[in-house]
PDB file of N, CA and C in Angstrom:
ATOM      1  N   MET A   1      11.917   2.415  21.511  1.00  0.00           N
ATOM      2  CA  MET A   1      12.947   1.407  21.504  1.00  0.00           C
ATOM      3  C   MET A   1      13.700   1.499  20.177  1.00  0.00           C
ATOM      4  N   LYS A   2      15.004   1.532  20.207  1.00  0.00           N
ATOM      5  CA  LYS A   2      15.819   1.689  19.014  1.00  0.00           C
ATOM      6  C   LYS A   2      16.556   0.396  18.716  1.00  0.00           C
ATOM      7  N   ILE A   3      16.652   0.046  17.452  1.00  0.00           N
ATOM      8  CA  ILE A   3      17.410  -1.133  17.069  1.00  0.00           C
ATOM      9  C   ILE A   3      18.879  -0.750  16.999  1.00  0.00           C
ATOM     10  N   GLU A   4      19.727  -1.550  17.615  1.00  0.00           N
ATOM     11  CA  GLU A   4      21.149  -1.274  17.622  1.00  0.00           C
ATOM     12  C   GLU A   4      21.763  -1.672  16.288  1.00  0.00           C
ATOM     13  N   ASP A   5      22.925  -1.063  15.953  1.00  0.00           N
ATOM     14  CA  ASP A   5      23.629  -1.495  14.756  1.00  0.00           C
ATOM     15  C   ASP A   5      24.237  -2.864  15.028  1.00  0.00           C
ATOM     16  N   ASP A   6      24.869  -3.463  14.011  1.00  0.00           N
ATOM     17  CA  ASP A   6      25.348  -4.839  14.121  1.00  0.00           C
ATOM     18  C   ASP A   6      26.351  -5.028  15.257  1.00  0.00           C
ATOM     19  N   GLU A   7      27.158  -4.008  15.579  1.00  0.00           N
ATOM     20  CA  GLU A   7      28.168  -4.167  16.612  1.00  0.00           C
ATOM     21  C   GLU A   7      27.582  -4.108  18.017  1.00  0.00           C
ATOM     22  N   THR A   8      26.440  -3.460  18.196  1.00  0.00           N
ATOM     23  CA  THR A   8      25.864  -3.353  19.531  1.00  0.00           C
ATOM     24  C   THR A   8      24.551  -4.101  19.656  1.00  0.00           C
ATOM     25  N   ARG A   9      24.230  -4.893  18.668  1.00  0.00           N
ATOM     26  CA  ARG A   9      22.969  -5.628  18.667  1.00  0.00           C
ATOM     27  C   ARG A   9      22.915  -6.581  19.851  1.00  0.00           C
ATOM     28  N   ILE A  10      21.819  -6.539  20.580  1.00  0.00           N
ATOM     29  CA  ILE A  10      21.640  -7.409  21.736  1.00  0.00           C
ATOM     30  C   ILE A  10      21.272  -8.813  21.282  1.00  0.00           C
ATOM     31  N   MET A  11      20.292  -8.914  20.399  1.00  0.00           N
ATOM     32  CA  MET A  11      19.883 -10.202  19.861  1.00  0.00           C
ATOM     33  C   MET A  11      20.466 -10.349  18.471  1.00  0.00           C
ATOM     34  N   LYS A  12      21.103 -11.441  18.210  1.00  0.00           N
ATOM     35  CA  LYS A  12      21.678 -11.658  16.902  1.00  0.00           C
ATOM     36  C   LYS A  12      20.574 -11.782  15.865  1.00  0.00           C
ATOM     37  N   ARG A  13      20.743 -11.093  14.736  1.00  0.00           N
ATOM     38  CA  ARG A  13      19.768 -11.177  13.646  1.00  0.00           C
ATOM     39  C   ARG A  13      19.831 -12.571  13.057  1.00  0.00           C
ATOM     40  N   ARG A  14      18.672 -13.120  12.731  1.00  0.00           N
ATOM     41  CA  ARG A  14      18.599 -14.461  12.172  1.00  0.00           C
ATOM     42  C   ARG A  14      17.966 -14.414  10.801  1.00  0.00           C
ATOM     43  N   HIS A  15      18.690 -14.880   9.796  1.00  0.00           N
ATOM     44  CA  HIS A  15      18.147 -14.963   8.452  1.00  0.00           C
ATOM     45  C   HIS A  15      17.289 -16.215   8.351  1.00  0.00           C
ATOM     46  N   LEU A  16      16.214 -16.125   7.600  1.00  0.00           N
ATOM     47  CA  LEU A  16      15.282 -17.242   7.508  1.00  0.00           C
ATOM     48  C   LEU A  16      15.614 -18.130   6.318  1.00  0.00           C
ATOM     49  N   ILE A  17      15.287 -19.416   6.440  1.00  0.00           N
ATOM     50  CA  ILE A  17      15.536 -20.378   5.382  1.00  0.00           C
ATOM     51  C   ILE A  17      14.702 -20.042   4.152  1.00  0.00           C
ATOM     52  N   TYR A  18      13.486 -19.616   4.352  1.00  0.00           N
ATOM     53  CA  TYR A  18      12.656 -19.199   3.224  1.00  0.00           C
ATOM     54  C   TYR A  18      11.906 -17.937   3.595  1.00  0.00           C
ATOM     55  N   TYR A  19      11.480 -17.229   2.572  1.00  0.00           N
ATOM     56  CA  TYR A  19      10.821 -15.939   2.797  1.00  0.00           C
ATOM     57  C   TYR A  19       9.356 -16.144   3.163  1.00  0.00           C
ATOM     58  N   LEU A  20       8.886 -15.341   4.099  1.00  0.00           N
ATOM     59  CA  LEU A  20       7.488 -15.373   4.502  1.00  0.00           C
ATOM     60  C   LEU A  20       6.841 -14.073   4.049  1.00  0.00           C
ATOM     61  N   GLU A  21       5.646 -14.164   3.481  1.00  0.00           N
ATOM     62  CA  GLU A  21       4.948 -12.997   2.961  1.00  0.00           C
ATOM     63  C   GLU A  21       4.413 -12.126   4.094  1.00  0.00           C
ATOM     64  N   VAL A  22       4.603 -10.812   3.934  1.00  0.00           N
ATOM     65  CA  VAL A  22       4.133  -9.832   4.907  1.00  0.00           C
ATOM     66  C   VAL A  22       3.116  -8.929   4.221  1.00  0.00           C
ATOM     67  N   HIS A  23       1.969  -8.711   4.898  1.00  0.00           N
ATOM     68  CA  HIS A  23       0.898  -7.863   4.363  1.00  0.00           C
ATOM     69  C   HIS A  23       0.682  -6.670   5.288  1.00  0.00           C
ATOM     70  N   ASP A  24       0.174  -5.591   4.732  1.00  0.00           N
ATOM     71  CA  ASP A  24      -0.322  -4.486   5.543  1.00  0.00           C
ATOM     72  C   ASP A  24      -1.643  -4.978   6.129  1.00  0.00           C
ATOM     73  N   ALA A  25      -1.763  -4.976   7.439  1.00  0.00           N
ATOM     74  CA  ALA A  25      -2.956  -5.532   8.093  1.00  0.00           C
ATOM     75  C   ALA A  25      -4.205  -4.711   7.809  1.00  0.00           C
ATOM     76  N   ASP A  26      -4.039  -3.427   7.511  1.00  0.00           N
ATOM     77  CA  ASP A  26      -5.200  -2.571   7.256  1.00  0.00           C
ATOM     78  C   ASP A  26      -5.732  -2.691   5.832  1.00  0.00           C
ATOM     79  N   THR A  27      -4.823  -2.861   4.867  1.00  0.00           N
ATOM     80  CA  THR A  27      -5.236  -2.871   3.454  1.00  0.00           C
ATOM     81  C   THR A  27      -5.152  -4.246   2.804  1.00  0.00           C
ATOM     82  N   ASP A  28      -4.491  -5.195   3.455  1.00  0.00           N
ATOM     83  CA  ASP A  28      -4.205  -6.529   2.938  1.00  0.00           C
ATOM     84  C   ASP A  28      -3.237  -6.506   1.752  1.00  0.00           C
ATOM     85  N   GLU A  29      -2.649  -5.355   1.475  1.00  0.00           N
ATOM     86  CA  GLU A  29      -1.657  -5.219   0.406  1.00  0.00           C
ATOM     87  C   GLU A  29      -0.379  -5.951   0.809  1.00  0.00           C
ATOM     88  N   VAL A  30       0.240  -6.651  -0.150  1.00  0.00           N
ATOM     89  CA  VAL A  30       1.525  -7.308   0.108  1.00  0.00           C
ATOM     90  C   VAL A  30       2.584  -6.220   0.258  1.00  0.00           C
ATOM     91  N   VAL A  31       3.270  -6.226   1.403  1.00  0.00           N
ATOM     92  CA  VAL A  31       4.349  -5.267   1.642  1.00  0.00           C
ATOM     93  C   VAL A  31       5.644  -5.823   1.074  1.00  0.00           C
ATOM     94  N   GLY A  32       5.869  -7.107   1.282  1.00  0.00           N
ATOM     95  CA  GLY A  32       7.086  -7.745   0.797  1.00  0.00           C
ATOM     96  C   GLY A  32       7.262  -9.087   1.460  1.00  0.00           C
ATOM     97  N   ASN A  33       8.515  -9.542   1.502  1.00  0.00           N
ATOM     98  CA  ASN A  33       8.843 -10.825   2.112  1.00  0.00           C
ATOM     99  C   ASN A  33       9.817 -10.621   3.261  1.00  0.00           C
ATOM    100  N   LEU A  34       9.535 -11.277   4.370  1.00  0.00           N
ATOM    101  CA  LEU A  34      10.390 -11.224   5.540  1.00  0.00           C
ATOM    102  C   LEU A  34      11.650 -12.022   5.251  1.00  0.00           C
ATOM    103  N   VAL A  35      12.819 -11.413   5.490  1.00  0.00           N
ATOM    104  CA  VAL A  35      14.063 -12.135   5.248  1.00  0.00           C
ATOM    105  C   VAL A  35      14.892 -12.323   6.505  1.00  0.00           C
ATOM    106  N   ASP A  36      14.683 -11.508   7.530  1.00  0.00           N
ATOM    107  CA  ASP A  36      15.280 -11.786   8.834  1.00  0.00           C
ATOM    108  C   ASP A  36      14.465 -11.109   9.921  1.00  0.00           C
ATOM    109  N   ILE A  37      14.655 -11.613  11.157  1.00  0.00           N
ATOM    110  CA  ILE A  37      13.788 -11.155  12.234  1.00  0.00           C
ATOM    111  C   ILE A  37      14.447 -11.382  13.587  1.00  0.00           C
ATOM    112  N   THR A  38      14.129 -10.496  14.527  1.00  0.00           N
ATOM    113  CA  THR A  38      14.398 -10.689  15.947  1.00  0.00           C
ATOM    114  C   THR A  38      13.117 -10.250  16.656  1.00  0.00           C
ATOM    115  N   THR A  39      13.113 -10.298  17.981  1.00  0.00           N
ATOM    116  CA  THR A  39      11.947  -9.810  18.708  1.00  0.00           C
ATOM    117  C   THR A  39      11.936  -8.286  18.786  1.00  0.00           C
ATOM    118  N   ARG A  40      12.942  -7.641  18.221  1.00  0.00           N
ATOM    119  CA  ARG A  40      13.015  -6.171  18.245  1.00  0.00           C
ATOM    120  C   ARG A  40      12.899  -5.537  16.872  1.00  0.00           C
ATOM    121  N   GLY A  41      12.987  -6.334  15.812  1.00  0.00           N
ATOM    122  CA  GLY A  41      12.909  -5.761  14.478  1.00  0.00           C
ATOM    123  C   GLY A  41      12.963  -6.821  13.403  1.00  0.00           C
ATOM    124  N   CYS A  42      12.833  -6.348  12.163  1.00  0.00           N
ATOM    125  CA  CYS A  42      12.864  -7.279  11.042  1.00  0.00           C
ATOM    126  C   CYS A  42      13.309  -6.553   9.784  1.00  0.00           C
ATOM    127  N   LYS A  43      13.659  -7.334   8.764  1.00  0.00           N
ATOM    128  CA  LYS A  43      14.003  -6.788   7.453  1.00  0.00           C
ATOM    129  C   LYS A  43      13.066  -7.405   6.429  1.00  0.00           C
ATOM    130  N   ILE A  44      12.534  -6.547   5.571  1.00  0.00           N
ATOM    131  CA  ILE A  44      11.611  -6.976   4.526  1.00  0.00           C
ATOM    132  C   ILE A  44      12.187  -6.573   3.173  1.00  0.00           C
ATOM    133  N   VAL A  45      12.108  -7.489   2.215  1.00  0.00           N
ATOM    134  CA  VAL A  45      12.487  -7.205   0.836  1.00  0.00           C
ATOM    135  C   VAL A  45      11.203  -6.975   0.060  1.00  0.00           C
ATOM    136  N   SER A  46      11.192  -5.885  -0.719  1.00  0.00           N
ATOM    137  CA  SER A  46       9.982  -5.532  -1.466  1.00  0.00           C
ATOM    138  C   SER A  46      10.329  -5.097  -2.882  1.00  0.00           C
ATOM    139  N   LYS A  47       9.300  -5.078  -3.733  1.00  0.00           N
ATOM    140  CA  LYS A  47       9.481  -4.639  -5.115  1.00  0.00           C
ATOM    141  C   LYS A  47       9.529  -3.121  -5.223  1.00  0.00           C
ATOM    142  N   GLU A  48       8.896  -2.439  -4.259  1.00  0.00           N
ATOM    143  CA  GLU A  48       8.853  -0.980  -4.239  1.00  0.00           C
ATOM    144  C   GLU A  48       9.564  -0.476  -2.983  1.00  0.00           C
ATOM    145  N   PRO A  49      10.202   0.689  -3.047  1.00  0.00           N
ATOM    146  CA  PRO A  49      10.820   1.226  -1.829  1.00  0.00           C
ATOM    147  C   PRO A  49       9.763   1.587  -0.790  1.00  0.00           C
ATOM    148  N   ILE A  50      10.107   1.424   0.467  1.00  0.00           N
ATOM    149  CA  ILE A  50       9.216   1.781   1.571  1.00  0.00           C
ATOM    150  C   ILE A  50       9.846   2.983   2.272  1.00  0.00           C
ATOM    151  N   PRO A  51       9.119   4.092   2.377  1.00  0.00           N
ATOM    152  CA  PRO A  51       9.690   5.288   3.004  1.00  0.00           C
ATOM    153  C   PRO A  51      10.061   5.057   4.471  1.00  0.00           C
ATOM    154  N   LYS A  52      11.114   5.761   4.916  1.00  0.00           N
ATOM    155  CA  LYS A  52      11.518   5.701   6.324  1.00  0.00           C
ATOM    156  C   LYS A  52      10.493   6.422   7.191  1.00  0.00           C
ATOM    157  N   ASN A  53      10.505   6.067   8.468  1.00  0.00           N
ATOM    158  CA  ASN A  53       9.644   6.690   9.491  1.00  0.00           C
ATOM    159  C   ASN A  53       8.158   6.495   9.226  1.00  0.00           C
ATOM    160  N   GLN A  54       7.826   5.365   8.656  1.00  0.00           N
ATOM    161  CA  GLN A  54       6.431   5.028   8.380  1.00  0.00           C
ATOM    162  C   GLN A  54       6.022   3.891   9.332  1.00  0.00           C
ATOM    163  N   THR A  55       4.979   4.118  10.119  1.00  0.00           N
ATOM    164  CA  THR A  55       4.498   3.077  11.036  1.00  0.00           C
ATOM    165  C   THR A  55       3.314   2.370  10.402  1.00  0.00           C
ATOM    166  N   ARG A  56       3.382   1.055  10.404  1.00  0.00           N
ATOM    167  CA  ARG A  56       2.325   0.232   9.819  1.00  0.00           C
ATOM    168  C   ARG A  56       2.002  -0.928  10.745  1.00  0.00           C
ATOM    169  N   THR A  57       0.801  -1.433  10.605  1.00  0.00           N
ATOM    170  CA  THR A  57       0.444  -2.684  11.255  1.00  0.00           C
ATOM    171  C   THR A  57       0.655  -3.765  10.212  1.00  0.00           C
ATOM    172  N   LEU A  58       1.555  -4.681  10.502  1.00  0.00           N
ATOM    173  CA  LEU A  58       1.916  -5.731   9.557  1.00  0.00           C
ATOM    174  C   LEU A  58       1.335  -7.065   9.993  1.00  0.00           C
ATOM    175  N   ARG A  59       1.035  -7.883   8.995  1.00  0.00           N
ATOM    176  CA  ARG A  59       0.531  -9.234   9.250  1.00  0.00           C
ATOM    177  C   ARG A  59       1.471 -10.216   8.551  1.00  0.00           C
ATOM    178  N   LEU A  60       2.063 -11.075   9.337  1.00  0.00           N
ATOM    179  CA  LEU A  60       2.987 -12.080   8.832  1.00  0.00           C
ATOM    180  C   LEU A  60       2.273 -13.418   8.818  1.00  0.00           C
ATOM    181  N   ARG A  61       2.170 -14.006   7.649  1.00  0.00           N
ATOM    182  CA  ARG A  61       1.568 -15.335   7.545  1.00  0.00           C
ATOM    183  C   ARG A  61       2.607 -16.366   7.953  1.00  0.00           C
ATOM    184  N   LEU A  62       2.264 -17.161   8.948  1.00  0.00           N
ATOM    185  CA  LEU A  62       3.196 -18.152   9.485  1.00  0.00           C
ATOM    186  C   LEU A  62       3.141 -19.441   8.671  1.00  0.00           C
ATOM    187  N   PRO A  63       4.211 -20.237   8.721  1.00  0.00           N
ATOM    188  CA  PRO A  63       4.218 -21.509   7.981  1.00  0.00           C
ATOM    189  C   PRO A  63       3.069 -22.409   8.430  1.00  0.00           C
ATOM    190  N   ASP A  64       2.621 -23.271   7.529  1.00  0.00           N
ATOM    191  CA  ASP A  64       1.564 -24.232   7.853  1.00  0.00           C
ATOM    192  C   ASP A  64       1.980 -25.074   9.058  1.00  0.00           C
ATOM    193  N   ASP A  65       0.988 -25.491   9.831  1.00  0.00           N
ATOM    194  CA  ASP A  65       1.220 -26.324  11.021  1.00  0.00           C
ATOM    195  C   ASP A  65       2.170 -25.670  12.011  1.00  0.00           C
ATOM    196  N   PHE A  66       2.105 -24.358  12.100  1.00  0.00           N
ATOM    197  CA  PHE A  66       3.005 -23.634  12.985  1.00  0.00           C
ATOM    198  C   PHE A  66       2.269 -23.150  14.220  1.00  0.00           C
ATOM    199  N   TYR A  67       2.775 -23.554  15.367  1.00  0.00           N
ATOM    200  CA  TYR A  67       2.246 -23.071  16.629  1.00  0.00           C
ATOM    201  C   TYR A  67       0.728 -23.207  16.616  1.00  0.00           C
ATOM    202  N   SER A  68       0.012 -22.380  17.343  1.00  0.00           N
ATOM    203  CA  SER A  68      -1.448 -22.429  17.291  1.00  0.00           C
ATOM    204  C   SER A  68      -1.985 -21.272  16.456  1.00  0.00           C
ATOM    205  N   LYS A  69      -1.084 -20.483  15.898  1.00  0.00           N
ATOM    206  CA  LYS A  69      -1.479 -19.301  15.133  1.00  0.00           C
ATOM    207  C   LYS A  69      -1.206 -19.492  13.651  1.00  0.00           C
ATOM    208  N   LYS A  70      -2.026 -18.867  12.843  1.00  0.00           N
ATOM    209  CA  LYS A  70      -1.822 -18.867  11.392  1.00  0.00           C
ATOM    210  C   LYS A  70      -1.066 -17.620  10.947  1.00  0.00           C
ATOM    211  N   GLU A  71      -1.129 -16.555  11.802  1.00  0.00           N
ATOM    212  CA  GLU A  71      -0.481 -15.303  11.441  1.00  0.00           C
ATOM    213  C   GLU A  71      -0.086 -14.542  12.701  1.00  0.00           C
ATOM    214  N   LEU A  72       0.819 -13.608  12.505  1.00  0.00           N
ATOM    215  CA  LEU A  72       1.277 -12.740  13.578  1.00  0.00           C
ATOM    216  C   LEU A  72       1.045 -11.302  13.129  1.00  0.00           C
ATOM    217  N   VAL A  73       0.354 -10.522  13.941  1.00  0.00           N
ATOM    218  CA  VAL A  73       0.067  -9.125  13.623  1.00  0.00           C
ATOM    219  C   VAL A  73       0.825  -8.251  14.613  1.00  0.00           C
ATOM    220  N   PHE A  74       1.563  -7.253  14.081  1.00  0.00           N
ATOM    221  CA  PHE A  74       2.365  -6.400  14.948  1.00  0.00           C
ATOM    222  C   PHE A  74       2.578  -5.036  14.291  1.00  0.00           C
ATOM    223  N   GLU A  75       2.837  -4.045  15.133  1.00  0.00           N
ATOM    224  CA  GLU A  75       3.120  -2.700  14.654  1.00  0.00           C
ATOM    225  C   GLU A  75       4.621  -2.586  14.421  1.00  0.00           C
ATOM    226  N   ALA A  76       4.996  -1.968  13.301  1.00  0.00           N
ATOM    227  CA  ALA A  76       6.411  -1.823  12.964  1.00  0.00           C
ATOM    228  C   ALA A  76       6.649  -0.461  12.321  1.00  0.00           C
ATOM    229  N   LYS A  77       7.817   0.097  12.592  1.00  0.00           N
ATOM    230  CA  LYS A  77       8.189   1.400  12.035  1.00  0.00           C
ATOM    231  C   LYS A  77       9.420   1.225  11.150  1.00  0.00           C
ATOM    232  N   SER A  78       9.336   1.697   9.906  1.00  0.00           N
ATOM    233  CA  SER A  78      10.476   1.612   8.994  1.00  0.00           C
ATOM    234  C   SER A  78      11.553   2.598   9.448  1.00  0.00           C
ATOM    235  N   VAL A  79      12.769   2.102   9.601  1.00  0.00           N
ATOM    236  CA  VAL A  79      13.853   2.948  10.100  1.00  0.00           C
ATOM    237  C   VAL A  79      14.976   3.145   9.094  1.00  0.00           C
ATOM    238  N   TRP A  80      15.053   2.301   8.093  1.00  0.00           N
ATOM    239  CA  TRP A  80      16.024   2.490   7.019  1.00  0.00           C
ATOM    240  C   TRP A  80      15.530   1.769   5.773  1.00  0.00           C
ATOM    241  N   SER A  81      16.047   2.197   4.637  1.00  0.00           N
ATOM    242  CA  SER A  81      15.685   1.578   3.365  1.00  0.00           C
ATOM    243  C   SER A  81      16.864   1.716   2.409  1.00  0.00           C
ATOM    244  N   ALA A  82      17.115   0.677   1.615  1.00  0.00           N
ATOM    245  CA  ALA A  82      18.235   0.688   0.678  1.00  0.00           C
ATOM    246  C   ALA A  82      17.956  -0.291  -0.453  1.00  0.00           C
ATOM    247  N   ASN A  83      18.705  -0.160  -1.524  1.00  0.00           N
ATOM    248  CA  ASN A  83      18.604  -1.126  -2.610  1.00  0.00           C
ATOM    249  C   ASN A  83      19.096  -2.478  -2.126  1.00  0.00           C
ATOM    250  N   ASP A  84      18.437  -3.517  -2.565  1.00  0.00           N
ATOM    251  CA  ASP A  84      18.844  -4.891  -2.278  1.00  0.00           C
ATOM    252  C   ASP A  84      20.049  -5.216  -3.160  1.00  0.00           C
ATOM    253  N   VAL A  85      20.727  -6.340  -2.893  1.00  0.00           N
ATOM    254  CA  VAL A  85      21.814  -6.766  -3.781  1.00  0.00           C
ATOM    255  C   VAL A  85      21.281  -7.031  -5.182  1.00  0.00           C
ATOM    256  N   ASN A  86      20.028  -7.445  -5.275  1.00  0.00           N
ATOM    257  CA  ASN A  86      19.340  -7.561  -6.553  1.00  0.00           C
ATOM    258  C   ASN A  86      18.725  -6.188  -6.837  1.00  0.00           C
ATOM    259  N   PRO A  87      19.161  -5.499  -7.883  1.00  0.00           N
ATOM    260  CA  PRO A  87      18.693  -4.130  -8.119  1.00  0.00           C
ATOM    261  C   PRO A  87      17.197  -4.002  -8.411  1.00  0.00           C
ATOM    262  N   ASP A  88      16.501  -5.112  -8.586  1.00  0.00           N
ATOM    263  CA  ASP A  88      15.054  -5.069  -8.819  1.00  0.00           C
ATOM    264  C   ASP A  88      14.252  -5.001  -7.515  1.00  0.00           C
ATOM    265  N   PHE A  89      14.935  -5.051  -6.363  1.00  0.00           N
ATOM    266  CA  PHE A  89      14.253  -5.088  -5.073  1.00  0.00           C
ATOM    267  C   PHE A  89      14.854  -4.078  -4.102  1.00  0.00           C
ATOM    268  N   TYR A  90      14.117  -3.846  -3.007  1.00  0.00           N
ATOM    269  CA  TYR A  90      14.530  -2.912  -1.956  1.00  0.00           C
ATOM    270  C   TYR A  90      14.474  -3.608  -0.611  1.00  0.00           C
ATOM    271  N   ASP A  91      15.416  -3.285   0.262  1.00  0.00           N
ATOM    272  CA  ASP A  91      15.441  -3.790   1.631  1.00  0.00           C
ATOM    273  C   ASP A  91      14.980  -2.675   2.560  1.00  0.00           C
ATOM    274  N   THR A  92      14.165  -3.022   3.539  1.00  0.00           N
ATOM    275  CA  THR A  92      13.720  -2.052   4.540  1.00  0.00           C
ATOM    276  C   THR A  92      13.840  -2.680   5.917  1.00  0.00           C
ATOM    277  N   GLY A  93      14.450  -1.936   6.832  1.00  0.00           N
ATOM    278  CA  GLY A  93      14.562  -2.372   8.218  1.00  0.00           C
ATOM    279  C   GLY A  93      13.448  -1.749   9.037  1.00  0.00           C
ATOM    280  N   PHE A  94      12.787  -2.560   9.826  1.00  0.00           N
ATOM    281  CA  PHE A  94      11.697  -2.109  10.691  1.00  0.00           C
ATOM    282  C   PHE A  94      12.064  -2.363  12.136  1.00  0.00           C
ATOM    283  N   GLU A  95      11.732  -1.425  13.011  1.00  0.00           N
ATOM    284  CA  GLU A  95      11.803  -1.710  14.435  1.00  0.00           C
ATOM    285  C   GLU A  95      10.403  -2.067  14.887  1.00  0.00           C
ATOM    286  N   VAL A  96      10.355  -2.962  15.845  1.00  0.00           N
ATOM    287  CA  VAL A  96       9.082  -3.426  16.387  1.00  0.00           C
ATOM    288  C   VAL A  96       9.079  -3.031  17.864  1.00  0.00           C
ATOM    289  N   PRO A  97       8.521  -1.858  18.176  1.00  0.00           N
ATOM    290  CA  PRO A  97       8.662  -1.306  19.518  1.00  0.00           C
ATOM    291  C   PRO A  97       7.870  -2.016  20.608  1.00  0.00           C
ATOM    292  N   ARG A  98       6.757  -2.631  20.251  1.00  0.00           N
ATOM    293  CA  ARG A  98       5.915  -3.251  21.284  1.00  0.00           C
ATOM    294  C   ARG A  98       5.449  -4.632  20.827  1.00  0.00           C
ATOM    295  N   LEU A  99       5.919  -5.620  21.520  1.00  0.00           N
ATOM    296  CA  LEU A  99       5.445  -6.983  21.276  1.00  0.00           C
ATOM    297  C   LEU A  99       5.046  -7.585  22.607  1.00  0.00           C
ATOM    298  N   GLY A 100       3.917  -8.260  22.611  1.00  0.00           N
ATOM    299  CA  GLY A 100       3.495  -8.958  23.813  1.00  0.00           C
ATOM    300  C   GLY A 100       4.291 -10.236  24.006  1.00  0.00           C
ATOM    301  N   LEU A 101       4.150 -10.820  25.159  1.00  0.00           N
ATOM    302  CA  LEU A 101       4.863 -12.051  25.481  1.00  0.00           C
ATOM    303  C   LEU A 101       4.538 -13.163  24.488  1.00  0.00           C
ATOM    304  N   GLU A 102       3.281 -13.297  24.133  1.00  0.00           N
ATOM    305  CA  GLU A 102       2.868 -14.341  23.188  1.00  0.00           C
ATOM    306  C   GLU A 102       3.521 -14.136  21.819  1.00  0.00           C
ATOM    307  N   GLU A 103       3.556 -12.896  21.344  1.00  0.00           N
ATOM    308  CA  GLU A 103       4.174 -12.602  20.057  1.00  0.00           C
ATOM    309  C   GLU A 103       5.673 -12.882  20.091  1.00  0.00           C
ATOM    310  N   ARG A 104       6.312 -12.550  21.203  1.00  0.00           N
ATOM    311  CA  ARG A 104       7.751 -12.844  21.348  1.00  0.00           C
ATOM    312  C   ARG A 104       8.005 -14.350  21.276  1.00  0.00           C
ATOM    313  N   LYS A 105       7.139 -15.126  21.923  1.00  0.00           N
ATOM    314  CA  LYS A 105       7.280 -16.585  21.878  1.00  0.00           C
ATOM    315  C   LYS A 105       7.140 -17.100  20.449  1.00  0.00           C
ATOM    316  N   VAL A 106       6.183 -16.553  19.711  1.00  0.00           N
ATOM    317  CA  VAL A 106       5.974 -16.974  18.324  1.00  0.00           C
ATOM    318  C   VAL A 106       7.216 -16.655  17.494  1.00  0.00           C
ATOM    319  N   ILE A 107       7.782 -15.472  17.666  1.00  0.00           N
ATOM    320  CA  ILE A 107       8.973 -15.094  16.898  1.00  0.00           C
ATOM    321  C   ILE A 107      10.159 -15.979  17.267  1.00  0.00           C
ATOM    322  N   ARG A 108      10.346 -16.234  18.542  1.00  0.00           N
ATOM    323  CA  ARG A 108      11.450 -17.116  18.943  1.00  0.00           C
ATOM    324  C   ARG A 108      11.282 -18.515  18.347  1.00  0.00           C
ATOM    325  N   ARG A 109      10.068 -18.999  18.357  1.00  0.00           N
ATOM    326  CA  ARG A 109       9.819 -20.330  17.778  1.00  0.00           C
ATOM    327  C   ARG A 109      10.023 -20.301  16.260  1.00  0.00           C
ATOM    328  N   LEU A 110       9.598 -19.220  15.627  1.00  0.00           N
ATOM    329  CA  LEU A 110       9.808 -19.057  14.188  1.00  0.00           C
ATOM    330  C   LEU A 110      11.293 -19.091  13.867  1.00  0.00           C
ATOM    331  N   ILE A 111      12.097 -18.373  14.636  1.00  0.00           N
ATOM    332  CA  ILE A 111      13.544 -18.359  14.428  1.00  0.00           C
ATOM    333  C   ILE A 111      14.119 -19.761  14.600  1.00  0.00           C
ATOM    334  N   GLU A 112      13.703 -20.462  15.644  1.00  0.00           N
ATOM    335  CA  GLU A 112      14.190 -21.826  15.887  1.00  0.00           C
ATOM    336  C   GLU A 112      13.803 -22.764  14.757  1.00  0.00           C
ATOM    337  N   ARG A 113      12.591 -22.591  14.261  1.00  0.00           N
ATOM    338  CA  ARG A 113      12.063 -23.547  13.290  1.00  0.00           C
ATOM    339  C   ARG A 113      12.522 -23.290  11.865  1.00  0.00           C
ATOM    340  N   VAL A 114      12.604 -22.023  11.452  1.00  0.00           N
ATOM    341  CA  VAL A 114      12.925 -21.751  10.047  1.00  0.00           C
ATOM    342  C   VAL A 114      14.175 -20.915   9.869  1.00  0.00           C
ATOM    343  N   GLY A 115      14.851 -20.530  10.959  1.00  0.00           N
ATOM    344  CA  GLY A 115      16.077 -19.739  10.849  1.00  0.00           C
ATOM    345  C   GLY A 115      17.268 -20.611  10.539  1.00  0.00           C
ATOM    346  N   PHE A 116      18.284 -20.005   9.921  1.00  0.00           N
ATOM    347  CA  PHE A 116      19.527 -20.721   9.707  1.00  0.00           C
ATOM    348  C   PHE A 116      20.180 -21.003  11.050  1.00  0.00           C
ATOM    349  N   ASN A 117      20.781 -22.149  11.177  1.00  0.00           N
ATOM    350  CA  ASN A 117      21.555 -22.440  12.382  1.00  0.00           C
ATOM    351  C   ASN A 117      22.947 -21.867  12.214  1.00  0.00           C
ATOM    352  N   ASP A 118      23.469 -21.293  13.292  1.00  0.00           N
ATOM    353  CA  ASP A 118      24.820 -20.709  13.240  1.00  0.00           C
ATOM    354  C   ASP A 118      25.872 -21.780  13.396  1.00  0.00           C
TER     355      ASP A 118
END
């Protein structure tokens, strides 16, 4: 599954009101902070660059009192990386090729609850 560019994007990208910490599920290492998300992909800001074409299992810690889950675990592949507007950070776009129905519901609720309203 490929993430479309902004002109052909099926689901509008939603920026979050606050950043949520993302960890590598295998090592528990902090990967960065989630800054936007859809059910097909996400963008993470990190202190170190993340190489393209790297597949990782990520763990997103959800806000307190959120849904029935404390975290969301999903596989994601880095598809692009660039300097952030702040030169001390890097932005990385991930595609999320496989999400179950439950995970999709959690992401949609996350967007509704902490995403900016258009």
